[in-house]
Amino acid sequence: MATNNNLQNYELMLIFTPVLAEDEYKAAQKKFADFITEHGGTIVHQDAWGLRSLAYPIAKKTTGLYWLLSYQATTDVNAKLEIQLNRDENVMRHMVTRLDKFAVEYNARKRNKITAEAATTA
């Protein structure tokens, strides 16, 4: 569907409602990751941060389930993804950020450092 020349790097930060059970939280993550891959994107990295405090209350909730997703996709995938994110009642907030080459390199170094530290302590 999409060629590698047209792929851009993006980062999606999602805050799900804190009332989700663990399996619902994982199913919601899988839903959006699958949506991106079905539309020609590739998942680079996923990081479930879990329950965190919000900076300000959203819909009378002071906590949320955070999830960070790095992916590569064409630009038209984001418009379709935005529609799906707005339709989902479990999503309290979302933000898609386009990453430049420096941000991609930084994220890769950060991931490799964390995995290297985990390997040395294990």
N, C-alpha and C. Protein backbone atom coordinates (compact mmCIF):
# COMPACT_ATOMS: atom_id res chain seq x y z
N MET A 1 0.82 -1.20 0.00
CA MET A 1 0.00 0.00 0.00
C MET A 1 0.86 1.26 0.00
N ALA A 2 1.79 1.36 0.95
CA ALA A 2 2.63 2.55 1.05
C ALA A 2 4.08 2.15 0.83
N THR A 3 4.83 3.01 0.18
CA THR A 3 6.24 2.74 0.00
C THR A 3 7.01 3.36 1.15
N ASN A 4 8.20 2.86 1.40
CA ASN A 4 9.00 3.35 2.51
C ASN A 4 9.42 4.80 2.33
N ASN A 5 9.46 5.30 1.10
CA ASN A 5 9.86 6.69 0.87
C ASN A 5 8.85 7.68 1.44
N ASN A 6 7.58 7.29 1.51
CA ASN A 6 6.54 8.20 1.98
C ASN A 6 6.28 8.09 3.48
N LEU A 7 6.93 7.18 4.16
CA LEU A 7 6.68 6.99 5.58
C LEU A 7 7.34 8.09 6.39
N GLN A 8 6.59 8.60 7.35
CA GLN A 8 7.08 9.59 8.30
C GLN A 8 7.09 8.95 9.68
N ASN A 9 7.90 9.47 10.58
CA ASN A 9 7.98 8.98 11.95
C ASN A 9 7.06 9.80 12.84
N TYR A 10 6.27 9.10 13.64
CA TYR A 10 5.32 9.76 14.54
C TYR A 10 5.39 9.13 15.92
N GLU A 11 4.89 9.89 16.89
CA GLU A 11 4.77 9.41 18.26
C GLU A 11 3.35 9.74 18.72
N LEU A 12 2.66 8.77 19.24
CA LEU A 12 1.30 8.93 19.72
C LEU A 12 1.28 8.76 21.23
N MET A 13 0.81 9.78 21.93
CA MET A 13 0.63 9.69 23.38
C MET A 13 -0.86 9.64 23.65
N LEU A 14 -1.29 8.59 24.34
CA LEU A 14 -2.69 8.40 24.66
C LEU A 14 -2.89 8.36 26.16
N ILE A 15 -3.98 8.95 26.61
CA ILE A 15 -4.38 8.82 28.00
C ILE A 15 -5.75 8.16 28.00
N PHE A 16 -5.80 6.92 28.49
CA PHE A 16 -7.05 6.20 28.59
C PHE A 16 -7.69 6.48 29.94
N THR A 17 -8.99 6.29 30.03
CA THR A 17 -9.70 6.45 31.28
C THR A 17 -9.18 5.45 32.31
N PRO A 18 -9.07 5.85 33.58
CA PRO A 18 -8.46 4.97 34.59
C PRO A 18 -9.37 3.82 35.03
N VAL A 19 -10.62 3.80 34.59
CA VAL A 19 -11.54 2.75 35.04
C VAL A 19 -11.40 1.46 34.23
N LEU A 20 -10.49 1.43 33.25
CA LEU A 20 -10.29 0.23 32.45
C LEU A 20 -9.60 -0.86 33.26
N ALA A 21 -10.06 -2.08 33.08
CA ALA A 21 -9.36 -3.23 33.67
C ALA A 21 -8.10 -3.49 32.86
N GLU A 22 -7.19 -4.30 33.40
CA GLU A 22 -5.91 -4.56 32.73
C GLU A 22 -6.10 -5.13 31.33
N ASP A 23 -7.03 -6.10 31.18
CA ASP A 23 -7.24 -6.69 29.86
C ASP A 23 -7.90 -5.70 28.89
N GLU A 24 -8.75 -4.81 29.39
CA GLU A 24 -9.35 -3.78 28.54
C GLU A 24 -8.30 -2.76 28.09
N TYR A 25 -7.38 -2.44 28.99
CA TYR A 25 -6.28 -1.51 28.68
C TYR A 25 -5.40 -2.09 27.57
N LYS A 26 -5.06 -3.37 27.69
CA LYS A 26 -4.24 -4.02 26.66
C LYS A 26 -5.00 -4.15 25.34
N ALA A 27 -6.30 -4.42 25.40
CA ALA A 27 -7.12 -4.54 24.19
C ALA A 27 -7.21 -3.19 23.48
N ALA A 28 -7.32 -2.10 24.25
CA ALA A 28 -7.38 -0.77 23.66
C ALA A 28 -6.06 -0.42 22.98
N GLN A 29 -4.94 -0.79 23.60
CA GLN A 29 -3.63 -0.57 22.99
C GLN A 29 -3.51 -1.34 21.68
N LYS A 30 -3.92 -2.60 21.72
CA LYS A 30 -3.84 -3.46 20.53
C LYS A 30 -4.72 -2.91 19.41
N LYS A 31 -5.86 -2.36 19.77
CA LYS A 31 -6.80 -1.83 18.77
C LYS A 31 -6.13 -0.73 17.94
N PHE A 32 -5.45 0.19 18.59
CA PHE A 32 -4.84 1.31 17.86
C PHE A 32 -3.55 0.89 17.15
N ALA A 33 -2.80 -0.02 17.74
CA ALA A 33 -1.60 -0.52 17.08
C ALA A 33 -1.99 -1.30 15.82
N ASP A 34 -3.03 -2.10 15.91
CA ASP A 34 -3.51 -2.85 14.74
C ASP A 34 -4.06 -1.91 13.68
N PHE A 35 -4.72 -0.84 14.10
CA PHE A 35 -5.27 0.12 13.13
C PHE A 35 -4.14 0.71 12.28
N ILE A 36 -3.04 1.06 12.93
CA ILE A 36 -1.91 1.65 12.19
C ILE A 36 -1.31 0.64 11.23
N THR A 37 -1.11 -0.60 11.68
CA THR A 37 -0.50 -1.60 10.80
C THR A 37 -1.44 -1.98 9.66
N GLU A 38 -2.75 -2.00 9.89
CA GLU A 38 -3.71 -2.31 8.84
C GLU A 38 -3.71 -1.26 7.73
N HIS A 39 -3.35 -0.04 8.08
CA HIS A 39 -3.34 1.05 7.10
C HIS A 39 -1.94 1.33 6.56
N GLY A 40 -1.06 0.35 6.63
CA GLY A 40 0.25 0.45 5.99
C GLY A 40 1.36 1.00 6.86
N GLY A 41 1.11 1.24 8.13
CA GLY A 41 2.14 1.74 9.03
C GLY A 41 2.90 0.60 9.70
N THR A 42 4.01 0.94 10.33
CA THR A 42 4.77 -0.04 11.09
C THR A 42 5.00 0.50 12.51
N ILE A 43 4.87 -0.38 13.48
CA ILE A 43 5.07 -0.01 14.88
C ILE A 43 6.56 -0.09 15.17
N VAL A 44 7.13 1.00 15.70
CA VAL A 44 8.54 1.03 16.06
C VAL A 44 8.73 0.61 17.51
N HIS A 45 7.90 1.18 18.40
CA HIS A 45 8.05 0.89 19.84
C HIS A 45 6.76 1.23 20.56
N GLN A 46 6.44 0.43 21.58
CA GLN A 46 5.29 0.69 22.43
C GLN A 46 5.75 0.74 23.87
N ASP A 47 5.18 1.64 24.65
CA ASP A 47 5.55 1.74 26.05
C ASP A 47 4.30 2.08 26.86
N ALA A 48 3.83 1.13 27.64
CA ALA A 48 2.69 1.35 28.52
C ALA A 48 3.19 1.90 29.84
N TRP A 49 2.86 3.15 30.12
CA TRP A 49 3.32 3.79 31.35
C TRP A 49 2.44 3.44 32.54
N GLY A 50 1.21 3.03 32.28
CA GLY A 50 0.31 2.67 33.36
C GLY A 50 -0.39 3.87 33.97
N LEU A 51 -0.84 3.72 35.19
CA LEU A 51 -1.63 4.74 35.87
C LEU A 51 -0.73 5.87 36.36
N ARG A 52 -1.05 7.08 35.94
CA ARG A 52 -0.30 8.28 36.35
C ARG A 52 -1.28 9.38 36.73
N SER A 53 -0.82 10.31 37.53
CA SER A 53 -1.62 11.47 37.89
C SER A 53 -1.67 12.45 36.73
N LEU A 54 -2.81 13.09 36.57
CA LEU A 54 -2.97 14.10 35.53
C LEU A 54 -2.58 15.47 36.07
N ALA A 55 -2.15 16.35 35.20
CA ALA A 55 -1.79 17.70 35.62
C ALA A 55 -3.02 18.49 36.06
N TYR A 56 -4.15 18.17 35.47
CA TYR A 56 -5.42 18.81 35.83
C TYR A 56 -6.53 17.78 35.61
N PRO A 57 -7.64 17.90 36.35
CA PRO A 57 -8.72 16.92 36.20
C PRO A 57 -9.34 16.97 34.81
N ILE A 58 -9.64 15.80 34.27
CA ILE A 58 -10.34 15.67 33.00
C ILE A 58 -11.59 14.85 33.27
N ALA A 59 -12.75 15.43 33.04
CA ALA A 59 -14.03 14.75 33.29
C ALA A 59 -14.08 14.21 34.72
N LYS A 60 -13.63 15.02 35.68
CA LYS A 60 -13.62 14.71 37.11
C LYS A 60 -12.70 13.53 37.47
N LYS A 61 -11.77 13.20 36.60
CA LYS A 61 -10.79 12.15 36.87
C LYS A 61 -9.43 12.80 37.08
N THR A 62 -8.69 12.33 38.09
CA THR A 62 -7.39 12.93 38.39
C THR A 62 -6.24 12.01 37.98
N THR A 63 -6.56 10.80 37.48
CA THR A 63 -5.54 9.87 37.00
C THR A 63 -5.94 9.36 35.62
N GLY A 64 -4.96 8.79 34.93
CA GLY A 64 -5.22 8.20 33.62
C GLY A 64 -4.20 7.14 33.31
N LEU A 65 -4.54 6.26 32.39
CA LEU A 65 -3.63 5.20 31.94
C LEU A 65 -2.90 5.70 30.70
N TYR A 66 -1.60 5.90 30.83
CA TYR A 66 -0.80 6.46 29.75
C TYR A 66 -0.22 5.35 28.87
N TRP A 67 -0.12 5.66 27.56
CA TRP A 67 0.47 4.74 26.60
C TRP A 67 1.17 5.54 25.52
N LEU A 68 2.41 5.20 25.23
CA LEU A 68 3.21 5.89 24.23
C LEU A 68 3.51 4.92 23.10
N LEU A 69 3.27 5.35 21.86
CA LEU A 69 3.46 4.51 20.69
C LEU A 69 4.27 5.28 19.65
N SER A 70 5.40 4.70 19.23
CA SER A 70 6.19 5.27 18.13
C SER A 70 5.92 4.42 16.90
N TYR A 71 5.64 5.10 15.78
CA TYR A 71 5.32 4.36 14.57
C TYR A 71 5.74 5.13 13.33
N GLN A 72 5.76 4.41 12.20
CA GLN A 72 6.01 5.01 10.90
C GLN A 72 4.77 4.79 10.06
N ALA A 73 4.32 5.85 9.39
CA ALA A 73 3.13 5.74 8.55
C ALA A 73 3.10 6.89 7.56
N THR A 74 2.21 6.77 6.59
CA THR A 74 2.00 7.88 5.67
C THR A 74 1.16 8.94 6.36
N THR A 75 1.14 10.14 5.81
CA THR A 75 0.45 11.25 6.46
C THR A 75 -1.06 11.06 6.51
N ASP A 76 -1.64 10.35 5.54
CA ASP A 76 -3.10 10.18 5.54
C ASP A 76 -3.58 9.24 6.64
N VAL A 77 -2.70 8.42 7.19
CA VAL A 77 -3.10 7.51 8.27
C VAL A 77 -3.49 8.30 9.51
N ASN A 78 -2.82 9.42 9.76
CA ASN A 78 -3.11 10.19 10.97
C ASN A 78 -4.52 10.77 10.98
N ALA A 79 -5.03 11.18 9.83
CA ALA A 79 -6.39 11.70 9.76
C ALA A 79 -7.40 10.60 10.12
N LYS A 80 -7.18 9.41 9.60
CA LYS A 80 -8.07 8.27 9.90
C LYS A 80 -7.93 7.87 11.37
N LEU A 81 -6.70 7.91 11.88
CA LEU A 81 -6.46 7.56 13.27
C LEU A 81 -7.13 8.57 14.20
N GLU A 82 -7.07 9.82 13.85
CA GLU A 82 -7.70 10.88 14.65
C GLU A 82 -9.20 10.64 14.80
N ILE A 83 -9.84 10.23 13.73
CA ILE A 83 -11.28 9.94 13.78
C ILE A 83 -11.55 8.80 14.76
N GLN A 84 -10.74 7.74 14.69
CA GLN A 84 -10.92 6.61 15.59
C GLN A 84 -10.67 7.00 17.05
N LEU A 85 -9.67 7.83 17.28
CA LEU A 85 -9.36 8.27 18.64
C LEU A 85 -10.50 9.12 19.21
N ASN A 86 -11.07 9.98 18.39
CA ASN A 86 -12.18 10.82 18.86
C ASN A 86 -13.45 10.01 19.10
N ARG A 87 -13.63 8.91 18.41
CA ARG A 87 -14.82 8.07 18.58
C ARG A 87 -14.75 7.20 19.82
N ASP A 88 -13.55 6.86 20.28
CA ASP A 88 -13.38 5.93 21.39
C ASP A 88 -13.63 6.64 22.72
N GLU A 89 -14.59 6.13 23.47
CA GLU A 89 -14.93 6.74 24.76
C GLU A 89 -13.88 6.49 25.83
N ASN A 90 -13.03 5.50 25.64
CA ASN A 90 -11.98 5.19 26.61
C ASN A 90 -10.80 6.13 26.52
N VAL A 91 -10.67 6.90 25.44
CA VAL A 91 -9.56 7.83 25.25
C VAL A 91 -9.95 9.19 25.82
N MET A 92 -9.21 9.63 26.85
CA MET A 92 -9.48 10.94 27.43
C MET A 92 -8.75 12.03 26.67
N ARG A 93 -7.48 11.80 26.32
CA ARG A 93 -6.68 12.76 25.56
C ARG A 93 -5.74 11.99 24.65
N HIS A 94 -5.35 12.64 23.55
CA HIS A 94 -4.36 12.04 22.65
C HIS A 94 -3.58 13.16 21.97
N MET A 95 -2.36 12.82 21.57
CA MET A 95 -1.53 13.78 20.86
C MET A 95 -0.60 13.01 19.93
N VAL A 96 -0.62 13.40 18.65
CA VAL A 96 0.26 12.82 17.65
C VAL A 96 1.33 13.86 17.33
N THR A 97 2.58 13.44 17.40
CA THR A 97 3.71 14.33 17.13
C THR A 97 4.55 13.73 16.02
N ARG A 98 4.87 14.55 15.01
CA ARG A 98 5.76 14.10 13.95
C ARG A 98 7.19 14.26 14.44
N LEU A 99 7.99 13.21 14.30
CA LEU A 99 9.36 13.21 14.80
C LEU A 99 10.33 13.50 13.66
N ASP A 100 11.28 14.38 13.89
CA ASP A 100 12.34 14.60 12.90
C ASP A 100 13.44 13.56 13.13
N LYS A 101 14.46 13.59 12.30
CA LYS A 101 15.50 12.55 12.39
C LYS A 101 16.25 12.60 13.71
N PHE A 102 16.37 13.78 14.30
CA PHE A 102 17.08 13.89 15.58
C PHE A 102 16.27 13.27 16.72
N ALA A 103 14.95 13.45 16.69
CA ALA A 103 14.09 12.86 17.71
C ALA A 103 14.07 11.34 17.59
N VAL A 104 14.10 10.84 16.36
CA VAL A 104 14.12 9.39 16.13
C VAL A 104 15.42 8.81 16.68
N GLU A 105 16.55 9.48 16.41
CA GLU A 105 17.84 9.01 16.92
C GLU A 105 17.87 9.06 18.44
N TYR A 106 17.34 10.13 19.03
CA TYR A 106 17.31 10.27 20.48
C TYR A 106 16.48 9.15 21.11
N ASN A 107 15.31 8.88 20.55
CA ASN A 107 14.45 7.82 21.09
C ASN A 107 15.13 6.46 20.99
N ALA A 108 15.83 6.21 19.88
CA ALA A 108 16.52 4.94 19.71
C ALA A 108 17.64 4.79 20.73
N ARG A 109 18.42 5.86 20.95
CA ARG A 109 19.48 5.82 21.96
C ARG A 109 18.90 5.61 23.35
N LYS A 110 17.83 6.29 23.64
CA LYS A 110 17.19 6.18 24.95
C LYS A 110 16.68 4.76 25.18
N ARG A 111 16.04 4.15 24.18
CA ARG A 111 15.55 2.78 24.32
C ARG A 111 16.71 1.81 24.49
N ASN A 112 17.78 1.97 23.72
CA ASN A 112 18.92 1.06 23.80
C ASN A 112 19.65 1.20 25.13
N LYS A 113 19.73 2.41 25.67
CA LYS A 113 20.37 2.62 26.96
C LYS A 113 19.58 1.94 28.05
N ILE A 114 18.26 2.06 28.00
CA ILE A 114 17.42 1.43 29.02
C ILE A 114 17.56 -0.08 28.94
N THR A 115 17.55 -0.65 27.74
CA THR A 115 17.68 -2.09 27.61
C THR A 115 19.07 -2.56 28.01
N ALA A 116 20.10 -1.74 27.73
CA ALA A 116 21.47 -2.10 28.11
C ALA A 116 21.62 -2.09 29.63
N GLU A 117 21.01 -1.08 30.29
CA GLU A 117 21.06 -1.02 31.75
C GLU A 117 20.32 -2.19 32.37
N ALA A 118 19.18 -2.55 31.79
CA ALA A 118 18.41 -3.69 32.32
C ALA A 118 19.18 -4.98 32.16
N ALA A 119 19.93 -5.11 31.06
CA ALA A 119 20.70 -6.33 30.83
C ALA A 119 21.87 -6.44 31.82
N THR A 120 22.49 -5.31 32.19
CA THR A 120 23.62 -5.36 33.10
C THR A 120 23.17 -5.62 34.54
N THR A 121 21.98 -5.18 34.91
CA THR A 121 21.50 -5.40 36.27
C THR A 121 20.89 -6.79 36.44
N ALA A 122 20.51 -7.42 35.35
CA ALA A 122 19.85 -8.73 35.44
C ALA A 122 20.85 -9.86 35.62
